[in-house]
Amino acid sequence: MKAIALKETGGIENLILIETKTPQVKPNEVLIKVKAISINPVDGFVRGNKAYHERVINPQPGENVILGWDVSGTVAEIGNDVSDFKIGDDVFGMVNFPGHGKAYAEYVAAPADQLALKPENITYEEAAAATLAALTAWQSLVTYAKIKKGDKILIHAAAGGVGHYAIQIAKHFGAHVIGTGSAAKKDFIIGQGADEFIDYTAEKFEQKVRDADIVLDSIFGDHVVRSLESVKHGGRLISLLTFFTDEALLKRIAEKAVYAHRLGVVSSGEDMKQIAGLLANGTLHSHISASFSFEEIPQAQTLVDAGRTVGKVVITL
C-alpha cells in the first residue's frame, strides 16, 4: 500500500511517499480502506518538533513513522474480537491519539472502540474532518467544562477547525456564544451560530467579556492569562495549548475559584458516536475550506501550518 512516511523531524521535505505492507489487524481492530483523511495543526507540530514527536508517537526503532490520526473509510477486515462493525461498514474516527495513528496511508488498522459508523447523509471528507477537531471541542466543552443551557461561552479562534465545531456544540447545548477572530472571518463565525463576534485585532476581548461561564482558549503563550480575566468567579477555563504551571497564574485562578484544565484530546469511540449523532441530525456540520490529493499532503500541511485556515483541510484518496 501507499503511505506518506516521515524520514526525520523537520520540514515538509521530510514527508516521503513509500510502499509498505498493509497492516495486519489485532483481535480488537478493524482494517479501514481509507477514503479521506483530515489534517490538523498537531500534524505539523509532530513533524517539526523532535521532543513533541517522541512524546506523542514514541516510535519503535526501525519503524516507519506515518503521521495522521483522522480517518474515514470502509471496513475491509475485522479482528476476531470485534462485534460492533462488519466488513463493508463506513466508519470514521481519531485513531490512537496520542500514539502512532498511521493515518497517512491507504489502509489503517484502528481499534474498534475508537470508531463510529459514518452517517449516511455526510461525505467521507466531512466525516474525516469531524474527528480530532470535533473531539477536542466536545471533550473541552462537554467532558471538562460541563457546558449547560444558558452558559455564556467565549471561544477563541472561532473560525478554525476546533472553533467552528465548538460554536455548533455550544449552541446545541443552549449556550450564548461569543467568538473571536479577525474581521474577515466575522460572517463565517456568525454563520456557525455565534451570538456575538469580537475582532481580536481591534478590541481587547478581556475588556468586553468579564463574566463568561466558560472560555475555550486555543492560543499559545500568555494569551490564557488574558482569558482568565474574562472568566467569572467560579467559571471554567479550558486551554488547548498552555499548561497551568505558572505560579502567578495559578494564584489568580485560585483567587477566582476557576476550574482550569489543559485539554489533551484522546481517542474515544463513545464520544465519536455522540458526534456522529449530531452530524446525522444536521446539528453539526463540517466546513471544508480546502481538499488535496494523497500525494499533496505536504502542501496541505503547509496550509494548516500557517494557522489561518477556516474550518478544515482534508485529503481524499
Protein backbone atom coordinates (compact mmCIF):
# COMPACT_ATOMS: atom_id res chain seq x y z
CA MET A 1 0.00 0.00 0.00
CA LYS A 2 0.96 3.65 -0.37
CA ALA A 3 1.80 5.70 2.70
CA ILE A 4 3.38 9.05 3.49
CA ALA A 5 6.24 8.49 5.93
CA LEU A 6 8.32 10.97 7.91
CA LYS A 7 12.00 10.17 7.40
CA GLU A 8 13.07 12.58 10.18
CA THR A 9 11.66 15.53 12.07
CA GLY A 10 11.81 18.81 10.21
CA GLY A 11 10.13 20.47 7.25
CA ILE A 12 7.63 19.11 4.75
CA GLU A 13 10.51 17.89 2.58
CA ASN A 14 10.85 15.06 5.09
CA LEU A 15 7.43 13.68 4.16
CA ILE A 16 8.04 10.98 1.56
CA LEU A 17 5.80 8.65 -0.42
CA ILE A 18 6.58 4.98 0.29
CA GLU A 19 5.28 1.50 -0.44
CA THR A 20 4.79 -0.59 2.68
CA LYS A 21 2.89 -3.64 3.87
CA THR A 22 -0.82 -3.39 4.58
CA PRO A 23 -1.20 -3.59 8.38
CA GLN A 24 -2.48 -6.76 10.00
CA VAL A 25 -5.36 -6.29 12.40
CA LYS A 26 -5.20 -7.25 16.06
CA PRO A 27 -8.22 -9.02 17.60
CA ASN A 28 -9.72 -5.69 18.75
CA GLU A 29 -9.09 -3.81 15.50
CA VAL A 30 -10.66 -3.25 12.09
CA LEU A 31 -8.81 -2.58 8.86
CA ILE A 32 -10.08 0.58 7.16
CA LYS A 33 -9.74 1.17 3.43
CA VAL A 34 -9.21 4.90 3.66
CA LYS A 35 -11.38 7.29 1.68
CA ALA A 36 -10.46 10.59 3.38
CA ILE A 37 -8.02 12.00 5.94
CA SER A 38 -8.06 15.23 7.91
CA ILE A 39 -5.04 17.46 8.57
CA ASN A 40 -4.59 19.20 11.94
CA PRO A 41 -2.05 21.63 13.44
CA VAL A 42 -0.73 18.80 15.61
CA ASP A 43 0.44 17.03 12.45
CA GLY A 44 2.89 19.86 11.80
CA PHE A 45 3.93 20.06 15.45
CA VAL A 46 4.81 16.37 15.50
CA ARG A 47 6.55 16.60 12.13
CA GLY A 48 8.73 19.54 13.12
CA ASN A 49 9.43 19.13 16.84
CA LYS A 50 11.56 16.18 17.94
CA ALA A 51 10.53 16.29 21.61
CA TYR A 52 6.83 16.56 20.74
CA HIS A 53 7.28 13.86 18.11
CA GLU A 54 8.67 11.43 20.67
CA ARG A 55 6.10 12.34 23.32
CA VAL A 56 3.09 11.89 21.05
CA ILE A 57 4.16 8.98 18.82
CA ASN A 58 7.03 7.25 20.65
CA PRO A 59 8.01 5.29 17.51
CA GLN A 60 9.74 1.93 17.80
CA PRO A 61 13.30 1.52 16.45
CA GLY A 62 13.30 0.88 12.70
CA GLU A 63 9.57 1.57 12.39
CA ASN A 64 8.22 3.72 9.55
CA VAL A 65 6.80 6.86 11.12
CA ILE A 66 3.44 7.55 9.49
CA LEU A 67 1.67 10.66 10.73
CA GLY A 68 -2.05 11.35 10.88
CA TRP A 69 -4.90 10.34 13.18
CA ASP A 70 -8.12 11.42 11.44
CA VAL A 71 -9.64 8.94 9.06
CA SER A 72 -12.85 7.83 7.37
CA GLY A 73 -13.38 4.89 5.09
CA THR A 74 -14.78 1.40 4.70
CA VAL A 75 -14.13 -1.63 6.89
CA ALA A 76 -12.16 -4.16 4.86
CA GLU A 77 -11.35 -6.67 7.62
CA ILE A 78 -12.30 -7.22 11.25
CA GLY A 79 -10.42 -8.72 14.18
CA ASN A 80 -11.70 -11.81 15.96
CA ASP A 81 -12.97 -9.85 18.97
CA VAL A 82 -14.83 -7.15 17.03
CA SER A 83 -18.62 -7.31 17.16
CA ASP A 84 -19.71 -3.68 16.63
CA PHE A 85 -18.70 -3.48 12.95
CA LYS A 86 -18.81 -5.69 9.89
CA ILE A 87 -16.96 -5.72 6.57
CA GLY A 88 -18.41 -3.03 4.33
CA ASP A 89 -19.37 -0.61 7.11
CA ASP A 90 -18.39 3.02 6.62
CA VAL A 91 -16.64 4.31 9.73
CA PHE A 92 -14.71 7.33 10.98
CA GLY A 93 -12.65 8.32 13.99
CA MET A 94 -9.45 9.66 15.51
CA VAL A 95 -7.11 6.69 15.71
CA ASN A 96 -4.64 6.04 18.54
CA PHE A 97 -4.24 9.60 19.75
CA PRO A 98 -1.93 10.15 21.48
CA GLY A 99 0.15 7.47 19.83
CA HIS A 100 1.06 6.24 16.37
CA GLY A 101 -2.08 6.73 14.30
CA LYS A 102 -0.58 5.92 10.89
CA ALA A 103 -3.48 7.55 9.07
CA TYR A 104 -1.47 8.84 6.10
CA ALA A 105 -1.95 5.54 4.30
CA GLU A 106 -4.28 3.63 2.00
CA TYR A 107 -5.19 1.23 4.81
CA VAL A 108 -5.30 1.89 8.56
CA ALA A 109 -5.65 -0.60 11.41
CA ALA A 110 -7.79 1.01 14.10
CA PRO A 111 -9.13 -0.12 17.49
CA ALA A 112 -12.86 -0.71 17.02
CA ASP A 113 -13.68 1.13 20.25
CA GLN A 114 -12.26 4.37 18.80
CA LEU A 115 -14.62 4.46 15.80
CA ALA A 116 -18.22 5.25 14.96
CA LEU A 117 -20.38 4.49 11.95
CA LYS A 118 -20.31 7.27 9.37
CA PRO A 119 -23.74 8.87 8.99
CA GLU A 120 -25.15 8.21 5.54
CA ASN A 121 -26.01 11.89 4.99
CA ILE A 122 -22.39 13.12 5.07
CA THR A 123 -19.40 12.55 2.81
CA TYR A 124 -16.21 10.72 3.74
CA GLU A 125 -14.46 14.10 3.69
CA GLU A 126 -16.96 15.66 6.10
CA ALA A 127 -16.60 12.65 8.38
CA ALA A 128 -12.80 12.72 8.38
CA ALA A 129 -12.90 16.43 9.23
CA ALA A 130 -15.14 15.80 12.26
CA THR A 131 -12.67 13.72 14.23
CA LEU A 132 -9.76 15.25 16.17
CA ALA A 133 -11.08 18.81 15.93
CA ALA A 134 -14.66 17.84 16.79
CA LEU A 135 -13.49 15.56 19.60
CA THR A 136 -11.38 18.39 21.00
CA ALA A 137 -14.38 20.70 21.03
CA TRP A 138 -16.64 18.01 22.54
CA GLN A 139 -14.22 16.92 25.27
CA SER A 140 -13.39 20.55 26.12
CA LEU A 141 -16.97 21.72 26.46
CA VAL A 142 -18.88 18.61 27.49
CA THR A 143 -16.43 16.37 29.35
CA TYR A 144 -14.48 19.04 31.22
CA ALA A 145 -16.33 22.38 31.09
CA LYS A 146 -19.68 20.67 31.78
CA ILE A 147 -21.50 23.07 29.46
CA LYS A 148 -25.20 23.60 30.13
CA LYS A 149 -28.10 25.63 28.86
CA GLY A 150 -27.73 29.36 29.48
CA ASP A 151 -23.94 29.36 29.86
CA LYS A 152 -22.04 32.28 28.34
CA ILE A 153 -19.03 30.92 26.47
CA LEU A 154 -16.10 32.73 24.86
CA ILE A 155 -14.45 30.75 22.06
CA HIS A 156 -11.11 31.93 20.70
CA ALA A 157 -10.03 31.26 17.10
CA ALA A 158 -13.70 30.55 16.47
CA ALA A 159 -13.27 30.17 12.69
CA GLY A 160 -10.73 27.36 12.98
CA GLY A 161 -11.18 23.61 13.00
CA VAL A 162 -11.88 23.27 16.71
CA GLY A 163 -13.57 26.67 16.92
CA HIS A 164 -16.26 26.12 14.33
CA TYR A 165 -17.26 22.80 15.88
CA ALA A 166 -17.17 24.34 19.38
CA ILE A 167 -19.64 27.04 18.33
CA GLN A 168 -22.08 24.46 16.99
CA ILE A 169 -21.76 22.17 20.01
CA ALA A 170 -22.21 25.09 22.42
CA LYS A 171 -25.37 26.22 20.59
CA HIS A 172 -26.67 22.65 20.68
CA PHE A 173 -26.48 22.81 24.48
CA GLY A 174 -28.24 26.18 24.56
CA ALA A 175 -25.26 28.40 25.39
CA HIS A 176 -24.74 32.05 24.48
CA VAL A 177 -21.64 32.06 22.27
CA ILE A 178 -19.09 34.82 21.72
CA GLY A 179 -16.44 34.07 19.09
CA THR A 180 -13.15 35.84 18.45
CA GLY A 181 -11.43 36.14 15.10
CA SER A 182 -10.18 38.61 12.53
CA ALA A 183 -12.65 40.96 10.86
CA ALA A 184 -12.52 38.93 7.63
CA LYS A 185 -13.91 35.91 9.48
CA LYS A 186 -16.83 37.64 11.19
CA ASP A 187 -19.51 36.45 8.76
CA PHE A 188 -18.25 32.87 8.93
CA ILE A 189 -18.22 32.83 12.73
CA ILE A 190 -21.71 34.32 12.97
CA GLY A 191 -22.81 31.87 10.30
CA GLN A 192 -21.75 28.96 12.51
CA GLY A 193 -24.19 30.19 15.15
CA ALA A 194 -22.20 32.59 17.33
CA ASP A 195 -24.35 35.25 19.02
CA GLU A 196 -21.56 37.83 19.23
CA PHE A 197 -18.24 38.48 17.50
CA ILE A 198 -15.08 40.17 18.76
CA ASP A 199 -12.37 41.31 16.34
CA TYR A 200 -9.26 40.49 18.34
CA THR A 201 -7.15 42.79 16.15
CA ALA A 202 -9.21 45.84 17.08
CA GLU A 203 -10.59 45.11 20.55
CA LYS A 204 -9.35 43.64 23.82
CA PHE A 205 -11.68 40.73 24.47
CA GLU A 206 -10.91 40.75 28.20
CA GLN A 207 -12.34 44.24 28.44
CA LYS A 208 -15.53 43.31 26.58
CA VAL A 209 -16.17 39.98 28.31
CA ARG A 210 -15.75 39.74 32.08
CA ASP A 211 -18.45 37.26 33.06
CA ALA A 212 -18.03 34.18 30.87
CA ASP A 213 -19.03 30.87 32.40
CA ILE A 214 -16.59 29.12 30.06
CA VAL A 215 -13.61 30.26 27.99
CA LEU A 216 -12.10 27.93 25.39
CA ASP A 217 -8.57 29.15 24.65
CA SER A 218 -6.58 27.66 21.77
CA ILE A 219 -3.83 30.29 21.57
CA PHE A 220 -0.18 29.80 22.57
CA GLY A 221 1.62 31.57 25.39
CA ASP A 222 0.29 34.08 27.91
CA HIS A 223 -2.98 34.55 25.99
CA VAL A 224 -4.52 32.32 28.66
CA VAL A 225 -3.72 34.98 31.28
CA ARG A 226 -5.96 37.39 29.42
CA SER A 227 -8.60 34.70 29.02
CA LEU A 228 -8.69 34.20 32.78
CA GLU A 229 -9.80 37.81 33.17
CA SER A 230 -12.84 37.04 31.00
CA VAL A 231 -13.96 34.15 33.21
CA LYS A 232 -16.39 34.94 36.00
CA HIS A 233 -15.73 33.88 39.60
CA GLY A 234 -16.27 30.14 39.76
CA GLY A 235 -16.19 29.76 35.97
CA ARG A 236 -14.28 27.32 33.78
CA LEU A 237 -11.20 27.87 31.64
CA ILE A 238 -10.13 25.22 29.13
CA SER A 239 -6.77 25.62 27.38
CA LEU A 240 -5.69 23.57 24.39
CA LEU A 241 -2.03 24.59 24.23
CA THR A 242 -0.92 26.14 27.52
CA PHE A 243 -0.22 24.18 30.69
CA PHE A 244 -1.26 25.71 34.00
CA THR A 245 2.14 25.75 35.71
CA ASP A 246 2.93 29.45 36.21
CA GLU A 247 2.70 30.29 39.92
CA ALA A 248 1.23 33.76 39.40
CA LEU A 249 -1.39 32.32 37.05
CA LEU A 250 -2.26 29.55 39.50
CA LYS A 251 -2.64 32.11 42.28
CA ARG A 252 -5.06 34.16 40.19
CA ILE A 253 -7.00 31.00 39.27
CA ALA A 254 -7.37 30.19 42.97
CA GLU A 255 -8.48 33.74 43.79
CA LYS A 256 -11.26 33.49 41.21
CA ALA A 257 -12.15 29.90 42.18
CA VAL A 258 -11.90 28.97 38.49
CA TYR A 259 -11.75 25.40 37.25
CA ALA A 260 -8.78 25.40 34.86
CA HIS A 261 -7.87 22.44 32.66
CA ARG A 262 -5.37 21.92 29.86
CA LEU A 263 -7.06 19.52 27.47
CA GLY A 264 -5.20 16.63 25.93
CA VAL A 265 -7.69 15.13 23.49
CA VAL A 266 -7.90 11.33 23.49
CA SER A 267 -9.41 8.78 21.13
CA SER A 268 -12.91 7.75 22.20
CA GLY A 269 -15.47 5.76 20.29
CA GLU A 270 -18.20 6.79 22.72
CA ASP A 271 -17.53 10.47 22.03
CA MET A 272 -17.33 9.74 18.31
CA LYS A 273 -20.82 8.22 18.49
CA GLN A 274 -22.13 11.43 20.08
CA ILE A 275 -20.56 13.45 17.27
CA ALA A 276 -21.94 11.03 14.67
CA GLY A 277 -25.42 11.58 16.06
CA LEU A 278 -25.10 15.36 15.75
CA LEU A 279 -23.81 15.03 12.18
CA ALA A 280 -26.64 12.67 11.30
CA ASN A 281 -29.40 15.00 12.52
CA GLY A 282 -27.83 18.11 10.99
CA THR A 283 -26.93 19.80 14.28
CA LEU A 284 -23.23 19.61 13.45
CA HIS A 285 -21.58 20.15 10.09
CA SER A 286 -18.02 20.26 8.80
CA HIS A 287 -16.80 23.27 6.87
CA ILE A 288 -14.08 22.15 4.46
CA SER A 289 -12.04 25.04 3.12
CA ALA A 290 -9.56 23.02 1.05
CA SER A 291 -9.17 19.49 -0.28
CA PHE A 292 -5.96 17.88 -1.53
CA SER A 293 -4.94 14.59 -3.10
CA PHE A 294 -2.96 12.00 -1.13
CA GLU A 295 0.31 12.99 -2.79
CA GLU A 296 -0.34 16.63 -1.83
CA ILE A 297 -0.21 16.03 1.94
CA PRO A 298 2.95 18.20 2.27
CA GLN A 299 1.12 21.15 0.66
CA ALA A 300 -1.88 20.54 2.91
CA GLN A 301 0.34 20.60 5.98
CA THR A 302 1.91 23.87 4.79
CA LEU A 303 -1.54 25.44 4.55
CA VAL A 304 -2.54 24.27 8.04
CA ASP A 305 0.85 25.27 9.49
CA ALA A 306 0.14 28.88 8.50
CA GLY A 307 -2.57 28.99 11.17
CA ARG A 308 -5.17 30.91 9.17
CA THR A 309 -7.36 28.05 8.00
CA VAL A 310 -11.12 28.50 8.10
CA GLY A 311 -12.75 25.22 9.11
CA LYS A 312 -10.90 22.10 7.99
CA VAL A 313 -8.41 20.87 5.39
CA VAL A 314 -8.89 17.30 4.11
CA ILE A 315 -7.20 14.71 1.91
CA THR A 316 -9.13 12.48 -0.47
CA LEU A 317 -7.95 9.07 -1.65
